[in-house]
């Protein structure tokens, strides 16, 4: 991909002066991309498995399973601690 961008930079440099600024911006972006690959490793996304109780409650609550809405509700339910704790706020003493 860097080779393709490098070709674009060369073509922009040969065009109008206004495109020269774009060429510089792309070159800077290429440098940032190459340096970022060496520095920071990618983070893994932590997946939350939906508990069976929350999955069952989501199937009852939504008409379509699996759907984005139902799956999202199931994950939030699992993180909240189960279907019995959904929708309740924590009481302060």
PDB file of N, CA and C in Angstrom:
ATOM      1  N   UNK A   1       0.822  -1.183   0.000  1.00  0.00           N
ATOM      2  CA  UNK A   1       0.000   0.000   0.000  1.00  0.00           C
ATOM      3  C   UNK A   1       0.870   1.253   0.000  1.00  0.00           C
ATOM      4  N   UNK A   2       2.000   1.189   0.694  1.00  0.00           N
ATOM      5  CA  UNK A   2       2.885   2.347   0.748  1.00  0.00           C
ATOM      6  C   UNK A   2       3.440   2.662  -0.639  1.00  0.00           C
ATOM      7  N   UNK A   3       3.638   1.618  -1.448  1.00  0.00           N
ATOM      8  CA  UNK A   3       4.152   1.842  -2.807  1.00  0.00           C
ATOM      9  C   UNK A   3       3.133   2.628  -3.625  1.00  0.00           C
ATOM     10  N   UNK A   4       1.854   2.262  -3.494  1.00  0.00           N
ATOM     11  CA  UNK A   4       0.805   2.967  -4.222  1.00  0.00           C
ATOM     12  C   UNK A   4       0.725   4.415  -3.772  1.00  0.00           C
ATOM     13  N   UNK A   5       0.828   4.640  -2.473  1.00  0.00           N
ATOM     14  CA  UNK A   5       0.789   6.004  -1.961  1.00  0.00           C
ATOM     15  C   UNK A   5       1.997   6.797  -2.431  1.00  0.00           C
ATOM     16  N   UNK A   6       3.130   6.131  -2.504  1.00  0.00           N
ATOM     17  CA  UNK A   6       4.343   6.810  -2.962  1.00  0.00           C
ATOM     18  C   UNK A   6       4.185   7.253  -4.417  1.00  0.00           C
ATOM     19  N   UNK A   7       3.546   6.422  -5.237  1.00  0.00           N
ATOM     20  CA  UNK A   7       3.283   6.789  -6.627  1.00  0.00           C
ATOM     21  C   UNK A   7       2.355   7.997  -6.705  1.00  0.00           C
ATOM     22  N   UNK A   8       1.343   8.015  -5.854  1.00  0.00           N
ATOM     23  CA  UNK A   8       0.414   9.139  -5.819  1.00  0.00           C
ATOM     24  C   UNK A   8       1.154  10.414  -5.438  1.00  0.00           C
ATOM     25  N   UNK A   9       2.063  10.309  -4.464  1.00  0.00           N
ATOM     26  CA  UNK A   9       2.836  11.475  -4.028  1.00  0.00           C
ATOM     27  C   UNK A   9       3.654  12.029  -5.187  1.00  0.00           C
ATOM     28  N   UNK A  10       4.293  11.163  -5.938  1.00  0.00           N
ATOM     29  CA  UNK A  10       5.104  11.604  -7.077  1.00  0.00           C
ATOM     30  C   UNK A  10       4.253  12.306  -8.129  1.00  0.00           C
ATOM     31  N   UNK A  11       3.067  11.774  -8.392  1.00  0.00           N
ATOM     32  CA  UNK A  11       2.183  12.393  -9.372  1.00  0.00           C
ATOM     33  C   UNK A  11       1.681  13.753  -8.897  1.00  0.00           C
ATOM     34  N   UNK A  12       1.393  13.859  -7.596  1.00  0.00           N
ATOM     35  CA  UNK A  12       0.925  15.131  -7.058  1.00  0.00           C
ATOM     36  C   UNK A  12       2.019  16.191  -7.107  1.00  0.00           C
ATOM     37  N   UNK A  13       3.252  15.783  -6.862  1.00  0.00           N
ATOM     38  CA  UNK A  13       4.364  16.735  -6.902  1.00  0.00           C
ATOM     39  C   UNK A  13       4.545  17.307  -8.308  1.00  0.00           C
ATOM     40  N   UNK A  14       4.267  16.512  -9.324  1.00  0.00           N
ATOM     41  CA  UNK A  14       4.427  16.952 -10.698  1.00  0.00           C
ATOM     42  C   UNK A  14       3.276  17.815 -11.174  1.00  0.00           C
ATOM     43  N   UNK A  15       2.191  17.870 -10.419  1.00  0.00           N
ATOM     44  CA  UNK A  15       1.015  18.641 -10.835  1.00  0.00           C
ATOM     45  C   UNK A  15       1.104  20.077 -10.310  1.00  0.00           C
ATOM     46  N   UNK A  16      -0.017  20.685 -10.142  1.00  0.00           N
ATOM     47  CA  UNK A  16      -0.122  22.081  -9.716  1.00  0.00           C
ATOM     48  C   UNK A  16       0.465  22.260  -8.311  1.00  0.00           C
ATOM     49  N   UNK A  17       0.838  23.491  -7.980  1.00  0.00           N
ATOM     50  CA  UNK A  17       1.444  23.804  -6.684  1.00  0.00           C
ATOM     51  C   UNK A  17       0.519  23.422  -5.531  1.00  0.00           C
ATOM     52  N   UNK A  18      -0.767  23.602  -5.688  1.00  0.00           N
ATOM     53  CA  UNK A  18      -1.723  23.264  -4.622  1.00  0.00           C
ATOM     54  C   UNK A  18      -1.641  21.784  -4.255  1.00  0.00           C
ATOM     55  N   UNK A  19      -1.348  20.944  -5.226  1.00  0.00           N
ATOM     56  CA  UNK A  19      -1.245  19.510  -4.950  1.00  0.00           C
ATOM     57  C   UNK A  19       0.043  19.165  -4.218  1.00  0.00           C
ATOM     58  N   UNK A  20       1.018  20.063  -4.247  1.00  0.00           N
ATOM     59  CA  UNK A  20       2.259  19.828  -3.512  1.00  0.00           C
ATOM     60  C   UNK A  20       2.022  19.726  -2.021  1.00  0.00           C
ATOM     61  N   UNK A  21       1.092  20.532  -1.505  1.00  0.00           N
ATOM     62  CA  UNK A  21       0.749  20.461  -0.085  1.00  0.00           C
ATOM     63  C   UNK A  21       0.102  19.112   0.243  1.00  0.00           C
ATOM     64  N   UNK A  22      -0.730  18.637  -0.663  1.00  0.00           N
ATOM     65  CA  UNK A  22      -1.355  17.335  -0.461  1.00  0.00           C
ATOM     66  C   UNK A  22      -0.303  16.231  -0.463  1.00  0.00           C
ATOM     67  N   UNK A  23       0.696  16.354  -1.331  1.00  0.00           N
ATOM     68  CA  UNK A  23       1.760  15.366  -1.401  1.00  0.00           C
ATOM     69  C   UNK A  23       2.527  15.324  -0.084  1.00  0.00           C
ATOM     70  N   UNK A  24       2.806  16.503   0.493  1.00  0.00           N
ATOM     71  CA  UNK A  24       3.506  16.546   1.775  1.00  0.00           C
ATOM     72  C   UNK A  24       2.675  15.905   2.882  1.00  0.00           C
ATOM     73  N   UNK A  25       1.380  16.157   2.859  1.00  0.00           N
ATOM     74  CA  UNK A  25       0.498  15.579   3.873  1.00  0.00           C
ATOM     75  C   UNK A  25       0.471  14.054   3.768  1.00  0.00           C
ATOM     76  N   UNK A  26       0.455  13.549   2.537  1.00  0.00           N
ATOM     77  CA  UNK A  26       0.444  12.094   2.335  1.00  0.00           C
ATOM     78  C   UNK A  26       1.775  11.490   2.767  1.00  0.00           C
ATOM     79  N   UNK A  27       2.882  12.157   2.464  1.00  0.00           N
ATOM     80  CA  UNK A  27       4.190  11.651   2.892  1.00  0.00           C
ATOM     81  C   UNK A  27       4.264  11.564   4.407  1.00  0.00           C
ATOM     82  N   UNK A  28       3.738  12.579   5.091  1.00  0.00           N
ATOM     83  CA  UNK A  28       3.733  12.566   6.552  1.00  0.00           C
ATOM     84  C   UNK A  28       2.894  11.401   7.057  1.00  0.00           C
ATOM     85  N   UNK A  29       1.765  11.164   6.407  1.00  0.00           N
ATOM     86  CA  UNK A  29       0.891  10.056   6.790  1.00  0.00           C
ATOM     87  C   UNK A  29       1.605   8.716   6.592  1.00  0.00           C
ATOM     88  N   UNK A  30       2.361   8.577   5.513  1.00  0.00           N
ATOM     89  CA  UNK A  30       3.109   7.340   5.255  1.00  0.00           C
ATOM     90  C   UNK A  30       4.130   7.118   6.364  1.00  0.00           C
ATOM     91  N   UNK A  31       4.825   8.178   6.769  1.00  0.00           N
ATOM     92  CA  UNK A  31       5.810   8.065   7.851  1.00  0.00           C
ATOM     93  C   UNK A  31       5.139   7.668   9.162  1.00  0.00           C
ATOM     94  N   UNK A  32       3.984   8.260   9.453  1.00  0.00           N
ATOM     95  CA  UNK A  32       3.257   7.931  10.672  1.00  0.00           C
ATOM     96  C   UNK A  32       2.809   6.475  10.671  1.00  0.00           C
ATOM     97  N   UNK A  33       2.354   5.994   9.506  1.00  0.00           N
ATOM     98  CA  UNK A  33       1.910   4.607   9.410  1.00  0.00           C
ATOM     99  C   UNK A  33       3.070   3.650   9.631  1.00  0.00           C
ATOM    100  N   UNK A  34       4.220   3.943   9.049  1.00  0.00           N
ATOM    101  CA  UNK A  34       5.355   3.036   9.189  1.00  0.00           C
ATOM    102  C   UNK A  34       5.902   3.056  10.611  1.00  0.00           C
ATOM    103  N   UNK A  35       5.886   4.204  11.274  1.00  0.00           N
ATOM    104  CA  UNK A  35       6.395   4.272  12.647  1.00  0.00           C
ATOM    105  C   UNK A  35       5.399   3.667  13.630  1.00  0.00           C
ATOM    106  N   UNK A  36       4.111   3.774  13.365  1.00  0.00           N
ATOM    107  CA  UNK A  36       3.119   3.225  14.286  1.00  0.00           C
ATOM    108  C   UNK A  36       3.112   1.703  14.254  1.00  0.00           C
ATOM    109  N   UNK A  37       3.469   1.104  13.135  1.00  0.00           N
ATOM    110  CA  UNK A  37       3.526  -0.351  13.055  1.00  0.00           C
ATOM    111  C   UNK A  37       4.617  -0.900  13.963  1.00  0.00           C
ATOM    112  N   UNK A  38       5.693  -0.185  14.106  1.00  0.00           N
ATOM    113  CA  UNK A  38       6.805  -0.647  14.917  1.00  0.00           C
ATOM    114  C   UNK A  38       6.550  -0.424  16.401  1.00  0.00           C
ATOM    115  N   UNK A  39       5.821   0.627  16.762  1.00  0.00           N
ATOM    116  CA  UNK A  39       5.678   1.018  18.154  1.00  0.00           C
ATOM    117  C   UNK A  39       4.579   0.263  18.901  1.00  0.00           C
ATOM    118  N   UNK A  40       3.357   0.397  18.477  1.00  0.00           N
ATOM    119  CA  UNK A  40       2.238  -0.075  19.272  1.00  0.00           C
ATOM    120  C   UNK A  40       1.649  -1.368  18.709  1.00  0.00           C
ATOM    121  N   UNK A  41       1.615  -2.417  19.538  1.00  0.00           N
ATOM    122  CA  UNK A  41       0.923  -3.631  19.099  1.00  0.00           C
ATOM    123  C   UNK A  41      -0.581  -3.424  19.207  1.00  0.00           C
ATOM    124  N   UNK A  42      -1.326  -4.155  18.406  1.00  0.00           N
ATOM    125  CA  UNK A  42      -2.771  -4.002  18.421  1.00  0.00           C
ATOM    126  C   UNK A  42      -3.356  -4.656  19.664  1.00  0.00           C
ATOM    127  N   UNK A  43      -4.431  -4.047  20.184  1.00  0.00           N
ATOM    128  CA  UNK A  43      -5.099  -4.589  21.355  1.00  0.00           C
ATOM    129  C   UNK A  43      -6.159  -5.583  20.916  1.00  0.00           C
ATOM    130  N   UNK A  44      -6.330  -6.645  21.702  1.00  0.00           N
ATOM    131  CA  UNK A  44      -7.383  -7.600  21.417  1.00  0.00           C
ATOM    132  C   UNK A  44      -8.676  -7.100  22.046  1.00  0.00           C
ATOM    133  N   UNK A  45      -9.764  -7.292  21.345  1.00  0.00           N
ATOM    134  CA  UNK A  45     -11.064  -6.899  21.851  1.00  0.00           C
ATOM    135  C   UNK A  45     -11.580  -8.011  22.753  1.00  0.00           C
ATOM    136  N   UNK A  46     -11.971  -7.630  23.963  1.00  0.00           N
ATOM    137  CA  UNK A  46     -12.489  -8.616  24.896  1.00  0.00           C
ATOM    138  C   UNK A  46     -13.945  -8.905  24.546  1.00  0.00           C
ATOM    139  N   UNK A  47     -14.242 -10.145  24.276  1.00  0.00           N
ATOM    140  CA  UNK A  47     -15.599 -10.548  23.915  1.00  0.00           C
ATOM    141  C   UNK A  47     -16.340 -10.994  25.169  1.00  0.00           C
ATOM    142  N   UNK A  48     -17.599 -10.600  25.280  1.00  0.00           N
ATOM    143  CA  UNK A  48     -18.436 -11.002  26.388  1.00  0.00           C
ATOM    144  C   UNK A  48     -19.423 -12.039  25.890  1.00  0.00           C
ATOM    145  N   UNK A  49     -19.379 -13.212  26.506  1.00  0.00           N
ATOM    146  CA  UNK A  49     -20.314 -14.256  26.131  1.00  0.00           C
ATOM    147  C   UNK A  49     -21.616 -14.032  26.880  1.00  0.00           C
ATOM    148  N   UNK A  50     -22.716 -14.121  26.174  1.00  0.00           N
ATOM    149  CA  UNK A  50     -24.023 -13.876  26.774  1.00  0.00           C
ATOM    150  C   UNK A  50     -24.411 -15.077  27.625  1.00  0.00           C
ATOM    151  N   UNK A  51     -24.805 -14.802  28.870  1.00  0.00           N
ATOM    152  CA  UNK A  51     -25.204 -15.880  29.771  1.00  0.00           C
ATOM    153  C   UNK A  51     -26.503 -16.509  29.272  1.00  0.00           C
ATOM    154  N   UNK A  52     -26.723 -17.788  29.578  1.00  0.00           N
ATOM    155  CA  UNK A  52     -27.945 -18.453  29.110  1.00  0.00           C
ATOM    156  C   UNK A  52     -29.229 -17.778  29.603  1.00  0.00           C
ATOM    157  N   UNK A  53     -29.230 -17.286  30.846  1.00  0.00           N
ATOM    158  CA  UNK A  53     -30.424 -16.630  31.382  1.00  0.00           C
ATOM    159  C   UNK A  53     -30.723 -15.346  30.614  1.00  0.00           C
ATOM    160  N   UNK A  54     -29.689 -14.581  30.296  1.00  0.00           N
ATOM    161  CA  UNK A  54     -29.878 -13.328  29.559  1.00  0.00           C
ATOM    162  C   UNK A  54     -30.266 -13.601  28.110  1.00  0.00           C
ATOM    163  N   UNK A  55     -29.720 -14.668  27.547  1.00  0.00           N
ATOM    164  CA  UNK A  55     -30.073 -15.026  26.174  1.00  0.00           C
ATOM    165  C   UNK A  55     -31.549 -15.408  26.096  1.00  0.00           C
ATOM    166  N   UNK A  56     -31.998 -16.165  27.082  1.00  0.00           N
ATOM    167  CA  UNK A  56     -33.405 -16.560  27.132  1.00  0.00           C
ATOM    168  C   UNK A  56     -34.309 -15.352  27.309  1.00  0.00           C
ATOM    169  N   UNK A  57     -33.918 -14.428  28.185  1.00  0.00           N
ATOM    170  CA  UNK A  57     -34.716 -13.220  28.417  1.00  0.00           C
ATOM    171  C   UNK A  57     -34.755 -12.344  27.168  1.00  0.00           C
ATOM    172  N   UNK A  58     -33.649 -12.270  26.449  1.00  0.00           N
ATOM    173  CA  UNK A  58     -33.599 -11.469  25.228  1.00  0.00           C
ATOM    174  C   UNK A  58     -34.492 -12.084  24.153  1.00  0.00           C
ATOM    175  N   UNK A  59     -34.530 -13.407  24.080  1.00  0.00           N
ATOM    176  CA  UNK A  59     -35.392 -14.068  23.097  1.00  0.00           C
ATOM    177  C   UNK A  59     -36.867 -13.794  23.384  1.00  0.00           C
ATOM    178  N   UNK A  60     -37.207 -13.685  24.689  1.00  0.00           N
ATOM    179  CA  UNK A  60     -38.593 -13.385  25.055  1.00  0.00           C
ATOM    180  C   UNK A  60     -38.927 -11.917  24.777  1.00  0.00           C
ATOM    181  N   UNK A  61     -37.947 -11.039  24.978  1.00  0.00           N
ATOM    182  CA  UNK A  61     -38.171  -9.602  24.866  1.00  0.00           C
ATOM    183  C   UNK A  61     -38.241  -9.142  23.410  1.00  0.00           C
ATOM    184  N   UNK A  62     -37.419  -9.728  22.526  1.00  0.00           N
ATOM    185  CA  UNK A  62     -37.338  -9.293  21.128  1.00  0.00           C
ATOM    186  C   UNK A  62     -37.942 -10.342  20.205  1.00  0.00           C
ATOM    187  N   UNK A  63     -38.536  -9.878  19.109  1.00  0.00           N
ATOM    188  CA  UNK A  63     -39.169 -10.800  18.151  1.00  0.00           C
ATOM    189  C   UNK A  63     -38.136 -11.601  17.367  1.00  0.00           C
ATOM    190  N   UNK A  64     -37.002 -10.970  17.036  1.00  0.00           N
ATOM    191  CA  UNK A  64     -36.000 -11.618  16.188  1.00  0.00           C
ATOM    192  C   UNK A  64     -34.743 -11.901  17.005  1.00  0.00           C
ATOM    193  N   UNK A  65     -34.312 -13.155  16.990  1.00  0.00           N
ATOM    194  CA  UNK A  65     -33.032 -13.532  17.584  1.00  0.00           C
ATOM    195  C   UNK A  65     -32.285 -14.341  16.546  1.00  0.00           C
ATOM    196  N   UNK A  66     -31.070 -14.127  16.253  1.00  0.00           N
ATOM    197  CA  UNK A  66     -30.203 -13.071  16.755  1.00  0.00           C
ATOM    198  C   UNK A  66     -30.391 -11.784  15.958  1.00  0.00           C
ATOM    199  N   UNK A  67     -30.341 -10.688  16.644  1.00  0.00           N
ATOM    200  CA  UNK A  67     -30.353  -9.367  16.014  1.00  0.00           C
ATOM    201  C   UNK A  67     -29.394  -8.489  16.793  1.00  0.00           C
ATOM    202  N   UNK A  68     -29.013  -7.383  16.225  1.00  0.00           N
ATOM    203  CA  UNK A  68     -28.063  -6.496  16.887  1.00  0.00           C
ATOM    204  C   UNK A  68     -28.646  -5.964  18.194  1.00  0.00           C
ATOM    205  N   UNK A  69     -29.920  -5.601  18.175  1.00  0.00           N
ATOM    206  CA  UNK A  69     -30.549  -5.064  19.373  1.00  0.00           C
ATOM    207  C   UNK A  69     -30.620  -6.118  20.472  1.00  0.00           C
ATOM    208  N   UNK A  70     -31.065  -7.310  20.111  1.00  0.00           N
ATOM    209  CA  UNK A  70     -31.213  -8.372  21.101  1.00  0.00           C
ATOM    210  C   UNK A  70     -29.853  -8.799  21.656  1.00  0.00           C
ATOM    211  N   UNK A  71     -28.862  -8.910  20.792  1.00  0.00           N
ATOM    212  CA  UNK A  71     -27.530  -9.302  21.252  1.00  0.00           C
ATOM    213  C   UNK A  71     -26.928  -8.239  22.168  1.00  0.00           C
ATOM    214  N   UNK A  72     -27.104  -6.976  21.806  1.00  0.00           N
ATOM    215  CA  UNK A  72     -26.604  -5.888  22.644  1.00  0.00           C
ATOM    216  C   UNK A  72     -27.273  -5.882  24.002  1.00  0.00           C
ATOM    217  N   UNK A  73     -28.578  -6.119  24.017  1.00  0.00           N
ATOM    218  CA  UNK A  73     -29.308  -6.170  25.279  1.00  0.00           C
ATOM    219  C   UNK A  73     -28.820  -7.344  26.113  1.00  0.00           C
ATOM    220  N   UNK A  74     -28.558  -8.481  25.464  1.00  0.00           N
ATOM    221  CA  UNK A  74     -28.070  -9.657  26.178  1.00  0.00           C
ATOM    222  C   UNK A  74     -26.712  -9.425  26.818  1.00  0.00           C
ATOM    223  N   UNK A  75     -25.832  -8.733  26.120  1.00  0.00           N
ATOM    224  CA  UNK A  75     -24.503  -8.430  26.672  1.00  0.00           C
ATOM    225  C   UNK A  75     -24.633  -7.481  27.856  1.00  0.00           C
ATOM    226  N   UNK A  76     -25.464  -6.445  27.705  1.00  0.00           N
ATOM    227  CA  UNK A  76     -25.659  -5.517  28.829  1.00  0.00           C
ATOM    228  C   UNK A  76     -26.268  -6.229  30.028  1.00  0.00           C
ATOM    229  N   UNK A  77     -27.181  -7.149  29.775  1.00  0.00           N
ATOM    230  CA  UNK A  77     -27.814  -7.935  30.826  1.00  0.00           C
ATOM    231  C   UNK A  77     -26.767  -8.782  31.554  1.00  0.00           C
ATOM    232  N   UNK A  78     -25.895  -9.415  30.805  1.00  0.00           N
ATOM    233  CA  UNK A  78     -24.851 -10.248  31.391  1.00  0.00           C
ATOM    234  C   UNK A  78     -23.912  -9.408  32.254  1.00  0.00           C
ATOM    235  N   UNK A  79     -23.539  -8.243  31.766  1.00  0.00           N
ATOM    236  CA  UNK A  79     -22.641  -7.371  32.530  1.00  0.00           C
ATOM    237  C   UNK A  79     -23.314  -6.815  33.775  1.00  0.00           C
ATOM    238  N   UNK A  80     -24.644  -6.642  33.719  1.00  0.00           N
ATOM    239  CA  UNK A  80     -25.376  -6.116  34.873  1.00  0.00           C
ATOM    240  C   UNK A  80     -25.513  -7.156  35.974  1.00  0.00           C
ATOM    241  N   UNK A  81     -25.397  -8.421  35.614  1.00  0.00           N
ATOM    242  CA  UNK A  81     -25.489  -9.469  36.619  1.00  0.00           C
ATOM    243  C   UNK A  81     -26.684 -10.372  36.461  1.00  0.00           C
ATOM    244  N   UNK A  82     -27.396 -10.259  35.376  1.00  0.00           N
ATOM    245  CA  UNK A  82     -28.517 -11.143  35.114  1.00  0.00           C
ATOM    246  C   UNK A  82     -29.774 -10.382  34.791  1.00  0.00           C
ATOM    247  N   UNK A  83     -30.808 -11.090  34.287  1.00  0.00           N
ATOM    248  CA  UNK A  83     -32.025 -10.413  33.865  1.00  0.00           C
ATOM    249  C   UNK A  83     -32.795  -9.787  35.027  1.00  0.00           C
ATOM    250  N   UNK A  84     -32.627 -10.288  36.235  1.00  0.00           N
ATOM    251  CA  UNK A  84     -33.325  -9.727  37.392  1.00  0.00           C
ATOM    252  C   UNK A  84     -32.805  -8.361  37.782  1.00  0.00           C
ATOM    253  N   UNK A  85     -31.610  -8.021  37.370  1.00  0.00           N
ATOM    254  CA  UNK A  85     -30.994  -6.751  37.750  1.00  0.00           C
ATOM    255  C   UNK A  85     -31.047  -5.707  36.640  1.00  0.00           C
ATOM    256  N   UNK A  86     -31.666  -6.037  35.530  1.00  0.00           N
ATOM    257  CA  UNK A  86     -31.754  -5.084  34.433  1.00  0.00           C
ATOM    258  C   UNK A  86     -32.798  -4.016  34.747  1.00  0.00           C
ATOM    259  N   UNK A  87     -32.439  -2.757  34.503  1.00  0.00           N
ATOM    260  CA  UNK A  87     -33.371  -1.657  34.669  1.00  0.00           C
ATOM    261  C   UNK A  87     -33.417  -1.082  36.075  1.00  0.00           C
ATOM    262  N   UNK A  88     -32.701  -1.670  36.996  1.00  0.00           N
ATOM    263  CA  UNK A  88     -32.680  -1.155  38.360  1.00  0.00           C
ATOM    264  C   UNK A  88     -31.433  -0.319  38.566  1.00  0.00           C
ATOM    265  N   UNK A  89     -31.600   0.793  39.214  1.00  0.00           N
ATOM    266  CA  UNK A  89     -30.439   1.614  39.532  1.00  0.00           C
ATOM    267  C   UNK A  89     -29.949   1.259  40.931  1.00  0.00           C
ATOM    268  N   UNK A  90     -28.686   1.547  41.176  1.00  0.00           N
ATOM    269  CA  UNK A  90     -28.114   1.258  42.484  1.00  0.00           C
ATOM    270  C   UNK A  90     -28.615   2.296  43.484  1.00  0.00           C
ATOM    271  N   UNK A  91     -29.087   1.836  44.627  1.00  0.00           N
ATOM    272  CA  UNK A  91     -29.592   2.738  45.649  1.00  0.00           C
ATOM    273  C   UNK A  91     -28.458   3.163  46.560  1.00  0.00           C
ATOM    274  N   UNK A  92     -28.423   4.451  46.860  1.00  0.00           N
ATOM    275  CA  UNK A  92     -27.412   4.961  47.784  1.00  0.00           C
ATOM    276  C   UNK A  92     -27.990   4.931  49.188  1.00  0.00           C
ATOM    277  N   UNK A  93     -27.155   4.568  50.129  1.00  0.00           N
ATOM    278  CA  UNK A  93     -27.607   4.500  51.531  1.00  0.00           C
ATOM    279  C   UNK A  93     -27.307   5.780  52.256  1.00  0.00           C
TER     280      UNK A  93
END
